[in-house]
Structure formats: structure tokens, C-alpha cells
C-alpha atoms as a PDB file:
ATOM      1  CA  MET A   1      91.769  89.765 119.090  1.00  0.00           C
ATOM      2  CA  LYS A   2      91.001  93.447 120.164  1.00  0.00           C
ATOM      3  CA  SER A   3      91.591  92.760 123.897  1.00  0.00           C
ATOM      4  CA  LYS A   4      94.529  90.834 123.461  1.00  0.00           C
ATOM      5  CA  HIS A   5      96.094  93.376 121.135  1.00  0.00           C
ATOM      6  CA  LEU A   6      95.300  96.499 123.383  1.00  0.00           C
ATOM      7  CA  LEU A   7      96.744  94.254 126.444  1.00  0.00           C
ATOM      8  CA  VAL A   8      99.865  93.820 124.626  1.00  0.00           C
ATOM      9  CA  LEU A   9     100.312  97.365 123.732  1.00  0.00           C
ATOM     10  CA  THR A  10      99.561  98.543 127.294  1.00  0.00           C
ATOM     11  CA  LEU A  11     102.092  96.171 128.854  1.00  0.00           C
ATOM     12  CA  LEU A  12     104.564  97.448 126.307  1.00  0.00           C
ATOM     13  CA  LEU A  13     104.103 101.197 126.893  1.00  0.00           C
ATOM     14  CA  SER A  14     104.207 100.572 130.732  1.00  0.00           C
ATOM     15  CA  SER A  15     107.497  98.604 130.427  1.00  0.00           C
ATOM     16  CA  ILE A  16     108.740 101.637 128.446  1.00  0.00           C
ATOM     17  CA  VAL A  17     107.720 104.259 130.810  1.00  0.00           C
ATOM     18  CA  VAL A  18     109.084 102.115 133.988  1.00  0.00           C
ATOM     19  CA  TRP A  19     112.354 101.452 131.938  1.00  0.00           C
ATOM     20  CA  SER A  20     112.818 105.169 131.231  1.00  0.00           C
ATOM     21  CA  GLN A  21     111.952 106.390 134.823  1.00  0.00           C
ATOM     22  CA  ASN A  22     114.691 104.058 136.160  1.00  0.00           C
ATOM     23  CA  GLU A  23     117.462 105.659 134.165  1.00  0.00           C
ATOM     24  CA  LYS A  24     119.674 107.919 135.858  1.00  0.00           C
ATOM     25  CA  THR A  25     118.803 110.508 133.151  1.00  0.00           C
ATOM     26  CA  SER A  26     115.107 110.152 132.008  1.00  0.00           C
ATOM     27  CA  THR A  27     114.865 109.110 128.539  1.00  0.00           C
ATOM     28  CA  PHE A  28     111.192 109.131 128.252  1.00  0.00           C
ATOM     29  CA  SER A  29     111.655 112.496 126.354  1.00  0.00           C
ATOM     30  CA  LYS A  30     112.927 110.283 123.567  1.00  0.00           C
ATOM     31  CA  GLY A  31     109.551 108.718 122.939  1.00  0.00           C
ATOM     32  CA  LYS A  32     106.267 109.885 121.443  1.00  0.00           C
ATOM     33  CA  PRO A  33     102.669 108.602 122.146  1.00  0.00           C
ATOM     34  CA  ILE A  34     100.596 108.201 118.997  1.00  0.00           C
ATOM     35  CA  ALA A  35      96.748 108.691 119.259  1.00  0.00           C
ATOM     36  CA  LYS A  36      94.421 109.651 116.170  1.00  0.00           C
ATOM     37  CA  ILE A  37      90.570 109.483 115.922  1.00  0.00           C
ATOM     38  CA  TYR A  38      88.456 109.740 112.823  1.00  0.00           C
ATOM     39  CA  ALA A  39      84.879 110.462 113.545  1.00  0.00           C
ATOM     40  CA  ASN A  40      81.919 111.640 111.774  1.00  0.00           C
ATOM     41  CA  PHE A  41      77.939 111.944 111.481  1.00  0.00           C
ATOM     42  CA  HIS A  42      76.595 111.616 107.759  1.00  0.00           C
ATOM     43  CA  ALA A  43      73.240 111.560 106.517  1.00  0.00           C
ATOM     44  CA  GLY A  44      71.996 110.476 103.020  1.00  0.00           C
ATOM     45  CA  ILE A  45      70.453 112.921 100.654  1.00  0.00           C
ATOM     46  CA  ASN A  46      69.126 110.618  98.042  1.00  0.00           C
ATOM     47  CA  GLU A  47      67.027 107.193  97.789  1.00  0.00           C
ATOM     48  CA  GLY A  48      70.179 104.976  97.167  1.00  0.00           C
ATOM     49  CA  ALA A  49      72.099 106.300 100.314  1.00  0.00           C
ATOM     50  CA  ASN A  50      72.043 104.942 103.759  1.00  0.00           C
ATOM     51  CA  PRO A  51      70.239 106.754 106.553  1.00  0.00           C
ATOM     52  CA  ALA A  52      71.687 108.971 108.839  1.00  0.00           C
ATOM     53  CA  ALA A  53      74.311 107.778 111.440  1.00  0.00           C
ATOM     54  CA  PHE A  54      77.318 108.542 113.980  1.00  0.00           C
ATOM     55  CA  GLN A  55      80.447 106.960 113.374  1.00  0.00           C
ATOM     56  CA  VAL A  56      83.931 106.505 114.524  1.00  0.00           C
ATOM     57  CA  SER A  57      85.632 105.225 111.392  1.00  0.00           C
ATOM     58  CA  ARG A  58      89.426 104.723 112.663  1.00  0.00           C
ATOM     59  CA  VAL A  59      91.066 104.873 115.675  1.00  0.00           C
ATOM     60  CA  TYR A  60      95.282 104.714 115.775  1.00  0.00           C
ATOM     61  CA  LEU A  61      97.065 104.148 119.004  1.00  0.00           C
ATOM     62  CA  GLY A  62     100.579 103.589 119.618  1.00  0.00           C
ATOM     63  CA  TYR A  63     104.254 104.790 120.558  1.00  0.00           C
ATOM     64  CA  LYS A  64     107.380 105.575 118.947  1.00  0.00           C
ATOM     65  CA  TYR A  65     110.638 105.467 120.777  1.00  0.00           C
ATOM     66  CA  ASP A  66     114.203 106.521 119.921  1.00  0.00           C
ATOM     67  CA  LEU A  67     116.601 103.476 120.868  1.00  0.00           C
ATOM     68  CA  GLY A  68     119.909 105.755 120.077  1.00  0.00           C
ATOM     69  CA  ASP A  69     122.511 104.821 117.436  1.00  0.00           C
ATOM     70  CA  HIS A  70     120.201 105.987 114.563  1.00  0.00           C
ATOM     71  CA  PHE A  71     117.596 103.280 115.661  1.00  0.00           C
ATOM     72  CA  CYS A  72     114.176 103.886 116.510  1.00  0.00           C
ATOM     73  CA  THR A  73     110.920 101.668 117.016  1.00  0.00           C
ATOM     74  CA  LYS A  74     107.171 102.215 116.365  1.00  0.00           C
ATOM     75  CA  ILE A  75     104.196 100.054 117.429  1.00  0.00           C
ATOM     76  CA  GLN A  76     100.546 101.209 116.374  1.00  0.00           C
ATOM     77  CA  LEU A  77      97.336  99.638 116.575  1.00  0.00           C
ATOM     78  CA  ASP A  78      94.807 100.350 113.953  1.00  0.00           C
ATOM     79  CA  ILE A  79      91.228 100.078 115.123  1.00  0.00           C
ATOM     80  CA  GLY A  80      88.620 100.005 112.430  1.00  0.00           C
ATOM     81  CA  GLY A  81      86.624  98.152 109.956  1.00  0.00           C
ATOM     82  CA  PRO A  82      87.777  95.293 107.464  1.00  0.00           C
ATOM     83  CA  ASN A  83      84.871  95.506 105.102  1.00  0.00           C
ATOM     84  CA  ASP A  84      85.017  99.013 104.128  1.00  0.00           C
ATOM     85  CA  VAL A  85      85.857  97.939 100.361  1.00  0.00           C
ATOM     86  CA  GLY A  86      83.333 100.643  99.267  1.00  0.00           C
ATOM     87  CA  MET A  87      82.007 103.762 100.689  1.00  0.00           C
ATOM     88  CA  HIS A  88      79.820 103.859 103.769  1.00  0.00           C
ATOM     89  CA  LEU A  89      79.208  99.939 104.216  1.00  0.00           C
ATOM     90  CA  LEU A  90      78.615  98.920 107.702  1.00  0.00           C
ATOM     91  CA  LYS A  91      81.747  97.873 109.639  1.00  0.00           C
ATOM     92  CA  LYS A  92      82.764  95.234 112.041  1.00  0.00           C
ATOM     93  CA  ARG A  93      85.189  96.290 114.788  1.00  0.00           C
ATOM     94  CA  PHE A  94      88.776  94.806 114.473  1.00  0.00           C
ATOM     95  CA  ALA A  95      92.135  95.794 116.075  1.00  0.00           C
ATOM     96  CA  TYR A  96      95.283  95.046 114.318  1.00  0.00           C
ATOM     97  CA  PHE A  97      99.006  96.058 114.703  1.00  0.00           C
ATOM     98  CA  LYS A  98      99.303  98.323 111.450  1.00  0.00           C
ATOM     99  CA  ASN A  99     102.920  99.043 112.544  1.00  0.00           C
ATOM    100  CA  ALA A 100     105.468  97.074 114.460  1.00  0.00           C
ATOM    101  CA  TYR A 101     108.962  97.730 113.141  1.00  0.00           C
ATOM    102  CA  LEU A 102     112.548  98.786 113.883  1.00  0.00           C
ATOM    103  CA  GLN A 103     113.959 101.700 111.740  1.00  0.00           C
ATOM    104  CA  TYR A 104     117.645 102.502 111.058  1.00  0.00           C
ATOM    105  CA  LYS A 105     118.325 106.131 109.566  1.00  0.00           C
ATOM    106  CA  LYS A 106     121.361 107.550 108.870  1.00  0.00           C
ATOM    107  CA  GLY A 107     122.613 110.206 106.244  1.00  0.00           C
ATOM    108  CA  LYS A 108     120.645 109.326 102.750  1.00  0.00           C
ATOM    109  CA  ILE A 109     119.520 105.739 103.797  1.00  0.00           C
ATOM    110  CA  LYS A 110     116.683 104.839 105.867  1.00  0.00           C
ATOM    111  CA  VAL A 111     115.777 100.842 106.513  1.00  0.00           C
ATOM    112  CA  GLN A 112     112.394  99.631 107.971  1.00  0.00           C
ATOM    113  CA  PHE A 113     111.799  95.817 109.005  1.00  0.00           C
ATOM    114  CA  GLY A 114     108.652  94.471 110.702  1.00  0.00           C
ATOM    115  CA  ILE A 115     105.245  95.535 109.927  1.00  0.00           C
ATOM    116  CA  ILE A 116     105.858  98.676 107.975  1.00  0.00           C
ATOM    117  CA  PRO A 117     104.242 101.508 106.166  1.00  0.00           C
ATOM    118  CA  THR A 118     104.164 100.867 102.491  1.00  0.00           C
ATOM    119  CA  ALA A 119     105.193 103.500  99.713  1.00  0.00           C
ATOM    120  CA  GLN A 120     102.526 102.842  97.275  1.00  0.00           C
ATOM    121  CA  PHE A 121     100.137 105.929  97.991  1.00  0.00           C
ATOM    122  CA  LYS A 122     101.727 107.482 101.160  1.00  0.00           C
ATOM    123  CA  LEU A 123     102.845 110.343  99.079  1.00  0.00           C
ATOM    124  CA  GLN A 124      99.247 110.812  97.510  1.00  0.00           C
ATOM    125  CA  GLU A 125      97.715 110.548 100.906  1.00  0.00           C
ATOM    126  CA  ASP A 126      99.807 113.290 102.264  1.00  0.00           C
ATOM    127  CA  VAL A 127      99.004 115.693  99.201  1.00  0.00           C
ATOM    128  CA  TRP A 128      95.266 114.690  99.560  1.00  0.00           C
ATOM    129  CA  GLY A 129      95.633 115.732 103.178  1.00  0.00           C
ATOM    130  CA  HIS A 130      92.141 114.586 103.939  1.00  0.00           C
ATOM    131  CA  ARG A 131      92.517 110.823 105.180  1.00  0.00           C
ATOM    132  CA  TYR A 132      90.023 111.423 107.866  1.00  0.00           C
ATOM    133  CA  ILE A 133      87.249 112.432 105.375  1.00  0.00           C
ATOM    134  CA  GLN A 134      88.254 109.618 102.734  1.00  0.00           C
ATOM    135  CA  LYS A 135      90.745 107.147 101.776  1.00  0.00           C
ATOM    136  CA  SER A 136      93.170 107.654  98.564  1.00  0.00           C
ATOM    137  CA  VAL A 137      91.713 106.197  95.420  1.00  0.00           C
ATOM    138  CA  LEU A 138      94.110 103.115  95.726  1.00  0.00           C
ATOM    139  CA  ASP A 139      93.101 102.475  99.203  1.00  0.00           C
ATOM    140  CA  ALA A 140      89.419 102.697  98.666  1.00  0.00           C
ATOM    141  CA  GLN A 141      89.626 100.382  95.597  1.00  0.00           C
ATOM    142  CA  ARG A 142      91.568  97.758  97.579  1.00  0.00           C
ATOM    143  CA  MET A 143      94.424  98.065  95.130  1.00  0.00           C
ATOM    144  CA  GLY A 144      97.044  97.843  97.782  1.00  0.00           C
ATOM    145  CA  SER A 145      97.659  98.117 101.591  1.00  0.00           C
ATOM    146  CA  SER A 146      98.939 101.131 103.538  1.00  0.00           C
ATOM    147  CA  ALA A 147     101.207  98.561 105.649  1.00  0.00           C
ATOM    148  CA  ASP A 148     102.440  95.112 105.271  1.00  0.00           C
ATOM    149  CA  LEU A 149     105.061  92.752 106.578  1.00  0.00           C
ATOM    150  CA  GLY A 150     108.482  93.035 105.256  1.00  0.00           C
ATOM    151  CA  ALA A 151     111.339  95.328 104.657  1.00  0.00           C
ATOM    152  CA  TYR A 152     111.765  98.682 103.027  1.00  0.00           C
ATOM    153  CA  VAL A 153     114.990 100.715 101.804  1.00  0.00           C
ATOM    154  CA  TYR A 154     114.511 104.448 101.122  1.00  0.00           C
ATOM    155  CA  TYR A 155     117.697 106.270  99.393  1.00  0.00           C
ATOM    156  CA  LYS A 156     117.742 110.092  98.830  1.00  0.00           C
ATOM    157  CA  ALA A 157     119.980 110.278  96.108  1.00  0.00           C
ATOM    158  CA  THR A 158     119.988 114.148  95.905  1.00  0.00           C
ATOM    159  CA  ASP A 159     117.714 116.798  96.772  1.00  0.00           C
ATOM    160  CA  PHE A 160     115.665 116.249  93.770  1.00  0.00           C
ATOM    161  CA  ILE A 161     115.335 112.567  93.491  1.00  0.00           C
ATOM    162  CA  SER A 162     114.881 109.622  95.954  1.00  0.00           C
ATOM    163  CA  PHE A 163     114.243 105.941  95.404  1.00  0.00           C
ATOM    164  CA  ASP A 164     112.590 103.004  97.569  1.00  0.00           C
ATOM    165  CA  LEU A 165     112.729  99.265  97.588  1.00  0.00           C
ATOM    166  CA  GLY A 166     110.576  96.999  99.258  1.00  0.00           C
ATOM    167  CA  ILE A 167     110.272  93.432  99.744  1.00  0.00           C
ATOM    168  CA  LEU A 168     106.917  92.486 101.250  1.00  0.00           C
ATOM    169  CA  ASN A 169     104.607  89.722 102.292  1.00  0.00           C
ATOM    170  CA  GLY A 170     102.017  91.118  99.903  1.00  0.00           C
ATOM    171  CA  GLU A 171      98.779  90.469 102.046  1.00  0.00           C
ATOM    172  CA  GLY A 172      98.711  93.512 103.823  1.00  0.00           C
ATOM    173  CA  TYR A 173      98.975  94.194 107.844  1.00  0.00           C
ATOM    174  CA  GLY A 174      95.614  92.395 108.204  1.00  0.00           C
ATOM    175  CA  LYS A 175      96.712  89.111 106.820  1.00  0.00           C
ATOM    176  CA  LEU A 176     100.055  88.252 108.071  1.00  0.00           C
ATOM    177  CA  GLN A 177     100.129  84.374 107.364  1.00  0.00           C
ATOM    178  CA  ASN A 178     103.390  82.989 105.815  1.00  0.00           C
ATOM    179  CA  ASP A 179     103.270  81.704 102.037  1.00  0.00           C
ATOM    180  CA  SER A 180     105.700  81.257  99.374  1.00  0.00           C
ATOM    181  CA  SER A 181     104.725  84.573  97.746  1.00  0.00           C
ATOM    182  CA  ILE A 182     106.673  87.942  97.943  1.00  0.00           C
ATOM    183  CA  LYS A 183     105.742  91.435  96.513  1.00  0.00           C
ATOM    184  CA  VAL A 184     108.794  93.165  95.220  1.00  0.00           C
ATOM    185  CA  ALA A 185     108.108  97.020  95.054  1.00  0.00           C
ATOM    186  CA  LEU A 186     110.197  99.840  93.443  1.00  0.00           C
ATOM    187  CA  GLY A 187     109.451 103.633  93.183  1.00  0.00           C
ATOM    188  CA  THR A 188     111.171 106.910  92.658  1.00  0.00           C
ATOM    189  CA  THR A 189     110.027 110.549  93.795  1.00  0.00           C
ATOM    190  CA  ILE A 190     111.439 113.376  91.723  1.00  0.00           C
ATOM    191  CA  THR A 191     111.257 116.948  92.803  1.00  0.00           C
ATOM    192  CA  PRO A 192     112.788 118.972  89.696  1.00  0.00           C
ATOM    193  CA  LEU A 193     111.349 122.331  91.119  1.00  0.00           C
ATOM    194  CA  LYS A 194     110.243 123.820  94.412  1.00  0.00           C
ATOM    195  CA  GLY A 195     106.560 122.359  95.112  1.00  0.00           C
ATOM    196  CA  LEU A 196     106.513 120.195  91.962  1.00  0.00           C
ATOM    197  CA  GLN A 197     106.606 116.250  92.673  1.00  0.00           C
ATOM    198  CA  PHE A 198     106.424 113.264  90.503  1.00  0.00           C
ATOM    199  CA  ARG A 199     106.053 109.725  91.644  1.00  0.00           C
ATOM    200  CA  PHE A 200     106.534 106.562  89.716  1.00  0.00           C
ATOM    201  CA  TYR A 201     105.886 103.230  91.387  1.00  0.00           C
ATOM    202  CA  GLY A 202     105.535  99.545  90.394  1.00  0.00           C
ATOM    203  CA  ASP A 203     105.073  96.449  92.372  1.00  0.00           C
ATOM    204  CA  LEU A 204     104.620  92.537  91.321  1.00  0.00           C
ATOM    205  CA  ILE A 205     103.475  89.608  93.298  1.00  0.00           C
ATOM    206  CA  GLN A 206     103.294  86.009  91.774  1.00  0.00           C
ATOM    207  CA  LYS A 207     100.547  83.839  93.081  1.00  0.00           C
ATOM    208  CA  GLY A 208     100.131  81.399  89.760  1.00  0.00           C
ATOM    209  CA  VAL A 209      99.180  84.658  87.804  1.00  0.00           C
ATOM    210  CA  PRO A 210     101.344  87.653  88.308  1.00  0.00           C
ATOM    211  CA  GLN A 211      99.558  90.877  89.812  1.00  0.00           C
ATOM    212  CA  ILE A 212     101.337  93.978  88.806  1.00  0.00           C
ATOM    213  CA  ASN A 213     100.744  97.528  89.928  1.00  0.00           C
ATOM    214  CA  TRP A 214     101.667 100.740  88.109  1.00  0.00           C
ATOM    215  CA  VAL A 215     101.187 104.232  89.996  1.00  0.00           C
ATOM    216  CA  ASN A 216     101.859 107.545  88.328  1.00  0.00           C
ATOM    217  CA  PHE A 217     101.393 110.708  90.259  1.00  0.00           C
ATOM    218  CA  VAL A 218     102.227 114.324  90.191  1.00  0.00           C
ATOM    219  CA  SER A 219     101.449 117.212  92.536  1.00  0.00           C
ATOM    220  CA  TYR A 220     102.161 120.881  92.939  1.00  0.00           C
ATOM    221  CA  ASN A 221     101.874 123.141  96.020  1.00  0.00           C
ATOM    222  CA  TRP A 222     102.027 126.664  95.408  1.00  0.00           C
ATOM    223  CA  ASN A 223     103.330 128.378  98.591  1.00  0.00           C
ATOM    224  CA  ASN A 224     101.034 126.156 100.627  1.00  0.00           C
ATOM    225  CA  LYS A 225      98.077 128.066  99.254  1.00  0.00           C
ATOM    226  CA  ILE A 226      96.944 126.098  96.195  1.00  0.00           C
ATOM    227  CA  ILE A 227      97.748 122.300  96.158  1.00  0.00           C
ATOM    228  CA  VAL A 228      96.699 119.938  93.135  1.00  0.00           C
ATOM    229  CA  GLY A 229      97.381 116.422  92.709  1.00  0.00           C
ATOM    230  CA  PHE A 230      96.693 113.811  90.060  1.00  0.00           C
ATOM    231  CA  GLU A 231      97.432 110.184  89.856  1.00  0.00           C
ATOM    232  CA  TYR A 232      96.745 107.386  87.107  1.00  0.00           C
ATOM    233  CA  ASP A 233      96.891 103.802  88.340  1.00  0.00           C
ATOM    234  CA  LEU A 234      96.467 100.249  86.617  1.00  0.00           C
ATOM    235  CA  GLN A 235      96.490  97.080  88.274  1.00  0.00           C
ATOM    236  CA  TYR A 236      96.847  93.983  86.075  1.00  0.00           C
ATOM    237  CA  ASN A 237      95.283  90.597  87.275  1.00  0.00           C
ATOM    238  CA  TYR A 238      93.338  91.832  90.383  1.00  0.00           C
ATOM    239  CA  GLN A 239      94.015  89.487  93.145  1.00  0.00           C
ATOM    240  CA  ASN A 240      95.882  87.339  90.728  1.00  0.00           C
ATOM    241  CA  ASN A 241      93.009  86.348  88.930  1.00  0.00           C
ATOM    242  CA  GLU A 242      94.082  86.415  85.047  1.00  0.00           C
ATOM    243  CA  GLY A 243      92.427  89.342  82.849  1.00  0.00           C
ATOM    244  CA  GLU A 244      90.678  91.064  85.766  1.00  0.00           C
ATOM    245  CA  ASP A 245      92.550  94.436  85.163  1.00  0.00           C
ATOM    246  CA  LEU A 246      91.611  97.664  86.885  1.00  0.00           C
ATOM    247  CA  ILE A 247      92.239 101.445  86.016  1.00  0.00           C
ATOM    248  CA  VAL A 248      91.576 104.318  88.242  1.00  0.00           C
ATOM    249  CA  TRP A 249      92.580 107.860  88.329  1.00  0.00           C
ATOM    250  CA  SER A 250      92.038 110.789  90.788  1.00  0.00           C
ATOM    251  CA  THR A 251      92.509 114.417  90.920  1.00  0.00           C
ATOM    252  CA  TYR A 252      91.997 116.770  93.978  1.00  0.00           C
ATOM    253  CA  LEU A 253      92.597 120.320  94.793  1.00  0.00           C
ATOM    254  CA  SER A 254      92.710 122.164  98.036  1.00  0.00           C
ATOM    255  CA  TYR A 255      92.934 125.950  98.537  1.00  0.00           C
ATOM    256  CA  ASN A 256      93.735 127.645 101.989  1.00  0.00           C
ATOM    257  CA  PHE A 257      91.855 130.741 101.552  1.00  0.00           C
ATOM    258  CA  MET A 258      92.499 131.904 105.252  1.00  0.00           C
ATOM    259  CA  ASP A 259      94.880 130.805 108.010  1.00  0.00           C
ATOM    260  CA  LYS A 260      92.633 128.053 109.355  1.00  0.00           C
ATOM    261  CA  TRP A 261      90.050 127.676 106.565  1.00  0.00           C
ATOM    262  CA  GLN A 262      90.406 125.361 103.332  1.00  0.00           C
ATOM    263  CA  ILE A 263      88.072 124.436 100.698  1.00  0.00           C
ATOM    264  CA  PHE A 264      88.790 121.087  98.857  1.00  0.00           C
ATOM    265  CA  GLY A 265      87.436 118.778  96.193  1.00  0.00           C
ATOM    266  CA  ARG A 266      88.119 115.469  94.587  1.00  0.00           C
ATOM    267  CA  TYR A 267      86.972 113.290  91.643  1.00  0.00           C
ATOM    268  CA  ASP A 268      87.871 109.661  91.092  1.00  0.00           C
ATOM    269  CA  HIS A 269      87.351 107.145  88.343  1.00  0.00           C
ATOM    270  CA  SER A 270      87.230 103.372  88.238  1.00  0.00           C
ATOM    271  CA  GLU A 271      86.808 101.142  85.447  1.00  0.00           C
ATOM    272  CA  SER A 272      87.623  97.289  85.083  1.00  0.00           C
ATOM    273  CA  SER A 273      88.366  95.008  81.982  1.00  0.00           C
ATOM    274  CA  ILE A 274      86.035  93.122  79.663  1.00  0.00           C
ATOM    275  CA  ILE A 275      86.990  89.406  79.922  1.00  0.00           C
ATOM    276  CA  ASP A 276      84.068  87.479  78.437  1.00  0.00           C
ATOM    277  CA  ASP A 277      81.725  87.709  75.495  1.00  0.00           C
ATOM    278  CA  ASN A 278      78.885  89.225  77.317  1.00  0.00           C
ATOM    279  CA  GLY A 279      80.423  92.776  76.965  1.00  0.00           C
ATOM    280  CA  ASP A 280      80.294  93.993  80.424  1.00  0.00           C
ATOM    281  CA  PRO A 281      83.252  94.585  82.494  1.00  0.00           C
ATOM    282  CA  TRP A 282      84.141  91.938  85.273  1.00  0.00           C
ATOM    283  CA  ARG A 283      83.548  94.372  88.016  1.00  0.00           C
ATOM    284  CA  PHE A 284      80.628  96.325  86.491  1.00  0.00           C
ATOM    285  CA  PRO A 285      78.595  96.388  89.429  1.00  0.00           C
ATOM    286  CA  LEU A 286      81.282  98.295  91.345  1.00  0.00           C
ATOM    287  CA  ASP A 287      82.876 100.532  88.779  1.00  0.00           C
ATOM    288  CA  GLY A 288      81.788 104.140  88.586  1.00  0.00           C
ATOM    289  CA  GLU A 289      82.880 107.831  89.692  1.00  0.00           C
ATOM    290  CA  ALA A 290      83.306 109.349  93.291  1.00  0.00           C
ATOM    291  CA  MET A 291      83.009 112.999  94.343  1.00  0.00           C
ATOM    292  CA  VAL A 292      84.226 114.846  97.597  1.00  0.00           C
ATOM    293  CA  GLY A 293      84.038 118.199  98.148  1.00  0.00           C
ATOM    294  CA  GLY A 294      83.808 120.609 101.344  1.00  0.00           C
ATOM    295  CA  ILE A 295      85.193 123.193 103.641  1.00  0.00           C
ATOM    296  CA  GLN A 296      87.875 122.524 106.576  1.00  0.00           C
ATOM    297  CA  TYR A 297      88.339 124.374 109.388  1.00  0.00           C
ATOM    298  CA  ARG A 298      91.606 123.676 111.428  1.00  0.00           C
ATOM    299  CA  ILE A 299      91.105 124.673 115.145  1.00  0.00           C
ATOM    300  CA  ASN A 300      94.669 123.910 116.077  1.00  0.00           C
ATOM    301  CA  LYS A 301      97.454 121.353 115.171  1.00  0.00           C
ATOM    302  CA  HIS A 302      95.296 118.757 117.017  1.00  0.00           C
ATOM    303  CA  ILE A 303      91.900 119.210 115.716  1.00  0.00           C
ATOM    304  CA  LYS A 304      90.222 119.680 112.278  1.00  0.00           C
ATOM    305  CA  LEU A 305      86.546 119.932 111.395  1.00  0.00           C
ATOM    306  CA  ALA A 306      84.988 119.612 108.093  1.00  0.00           C
ATOM    307  CA  ILE A 307      81.488 119.833 106.167  1.00  0.00           C
ATOM    308  CA  ASP A 308      81.537 117.866 102.883  1.00  0.00           C
ATOM    309  CA  TYR A 309      79.418 116.312 100.337  1.00  0.00           C
ATOM    310  CA  GLN A 310      80.360 112.622  99.239  1.00  0.00           C
ATOM    311  CA  ALA A 311      78.893 110.788  96.501  1.00  0.00           C
ATOM    312  CA  TRP A 312      79.157 107.440  94.286  1.00  0.00           C
ATOM    313  CA  PHE A 313      77.767 107.126  90.850  1.00  0.00           C
ATOM    314  CA  PHE A 314      77.613 103.780  89.352  1.00  0.00           C
ATOM    315  CA  THR A 315      78.580 103.019  85.891  1.00  0.00           C
ATOM    316  CA  ASP A 316      75.608 100.622  85.922  1.00  0.00           C
ATOM    317  CA  ASN A 317      72.726 103.143  85.358  1.00  0.00           C
ATOM    318  CA  GLN A 318      70.351 100.663  86.951  1.00  0.00           C
ATOM    319  CA  LYS A 319      71.781 101.108  90.233  1.00  0.00           C
ATOM    320  CA  SER A 320      70.992 104.273  92.313  1.00  0.00           C
ATOM    321  CA  SER A 321      73.808 106.701  93.364  1.00  0.00           C
ATOM    322  CA  LYS A 322      74.831 107.090  97.039  1.00  0.00           C
ATOM    323  CA  GLN A 323      75.192 110.872  98.071  1.00  0.00           C
ATOM    324  CA  PHE A 324      75.820 112.049 101.543  1.00  0.00           C
ATOM    325  CA  ILE A 325      76.548 115.181 103.705  1.00  0.00           C
ATOM    326  CA  PHE A 326      79.143 114.519 106.000  1.00  0.00           C
ATOM    327  CA  PHE A 327      80.397 116.389 109.284  1.00  0.00           C
ATOM    328  CA  ASN A 328      84.006 114.936 109.792  1.00  0.00           C
ATOM    329  CA  THR A 329      86.452 115.463 112.671  1.00  0.00           C
ATOM    330  CA  GLU A 330      90.064 114.556 113.258  1.00  0.00           C
ATOM    331  CA  VAL A 331      91.657 114.568 116.647  1.00  0.00           C
ATOM    332  CA  LYS A 332      95.271 113.596 117.097  1.00  0.00           C
ATOM    333  CA  LEU A 333      98.313 114.069 119.450  1.00  0.00           C
END
């Protein structure tokens, strides 16, 4: 699968280059290649952690091209591991089309169709700003996908409020099979003051039992010096299993104390509902708290380095925690 995807992408990019070079006026400048690499070295510092290892956790390759008349297209491969449900599990390599869509944007309206980015945790990820170190809490807990097959409409009503509506396959970009289930997603972002943002989002997918997501988020950016975010999220009937509910919340802080230096920290909490008489939550073995904290150095706009501590503490006190020291890098065009 990986080789087929890479072949298709290579042929597509080659066609774009040849076509643009054959134009009387070269239009290659309207295009932009996409390349991003997340890599790390990590070492466990307690008995419950995995041994030391080097890892390339994610690679994104693609191309974005301006088609004119307010249209553009984007194609991007995501090369990573499908089994990273929790922290630091061993991964199998895969290559998927994460994005392959047509976009129309004019004035206050933007429409995307194809394999498109979703809006469930895009703002949270941007505010957190350290995706190369750790996923957002919704992504880490598999409560949604960052891309899906479908259509999204964005409408910027004023400088203070915008809306987004999505009609999606609901399976994520790694599972694009056709079925009768459709996910409907609706969100709004409110910016009442400079630097202050509120985000409210909900989605519903019916597969016998309806799965419902509610996302609440607030952030504040003070002169790009101090950035704070907090989100509280609920998912009813996880993966359409009746009564299996999840509650997660996450808070994070970044402080740019010098031109290229930043310290950051984050705390996540997840818990599941009790559905039987034994008194234990249905996902008790995986419930717990995560902590991330460290220091980042930005060499330039293409390269970031970070040294950080990452840990997962299980609610089940019979299980050992997982604690690591990481050296993370992000390289992007």
C-alpha cells in the first residue's frame, strides 16, 4: 500500500511540474510542496516504561496547487503508525492519503470536498502548538479523526464569530469504506477580544446506537508571549457502544521567554463511565492522567527541537506508570 501511494503521488507531482513548465507563463509558483517530519529519541525512566529507542513517528508528503478562479487542491500522504492508540506503543508503518481535496474560497465562505481536514480539534492543536511532541487529547484518545472523507463549509460571519458545518463519512481517513452512516458536525468559534477564543463543537453519527461528541474549548494568547488553552470534551456511546461514555479534559501552557526559546507544559485527564454492577468503568485499564513538559528551541521557521518529560499514570493503581525523557525534532518546508 505504501509503495502504491508513493507512486501515485510521484506521478501526480511530476504531471503538475511538466504541465506548469509547458505553460507560456510558468505557473509552478502557484504550487507549494509539503514535507514534514516528526522524529524523536526517547528513554524510559521507570520500571513500567519501554526501553530507549529512536523513532520517526510521522512523515507528511504532499503538494498544494492554486487552480485559479478561487479554487485550489491539496494532496498529502500521511506515513506513520495506525496502532498508536496510547502513548509509545510500537508502530507498524502505513501510508494513507490524509488529504486529497478540492477547495473553493471566496469572501467569507470556504468549501472543501474530498479527503479533508476536520474541525474537531484543529484549533486546539494549533494553540497547543506541539503536535510533533504529542497529539491533542481528542486525537490521543481516539475520539475523532483529524481528516475524513466528505465536505466542509466554513463561514466567517464577522471578525468575531465563524461557523463550520461538515457532512462526513465518519470513519476517518484510514477507513474510507462506504456505508449508510454519515457524521454531521457543527461548530462555532468566537473571538470576543484580541487573543481570546472560544470554540464549541458537536457531531453525531448513527450506527444503531448514536455516537455524540461535545467539545468545549477556550484559549488566550497574550502578545504571543503566554499562550493558555483548556478543553473539556465528552463522547457518548464510544464507537457506537451503548453506555460507553468518555470524559476527557486537557490544559496547556506555553511561555516564549526569549526570541527562539519556549517552555511548555500540559496535563490531560480521561475517565470512562460505569456500565455494569462490578463498579469499574468500562475502560478502566486505560483511564488515567498524562503529563508533558519541556523546553523548545526554534532554530528557524523550518526546524524545532525540544527536550521534554512525558508520562502516563493509570487510574488503576495496580498498573505501573509510563515515564519518559524525549528529545523531539520537527522538520518542515
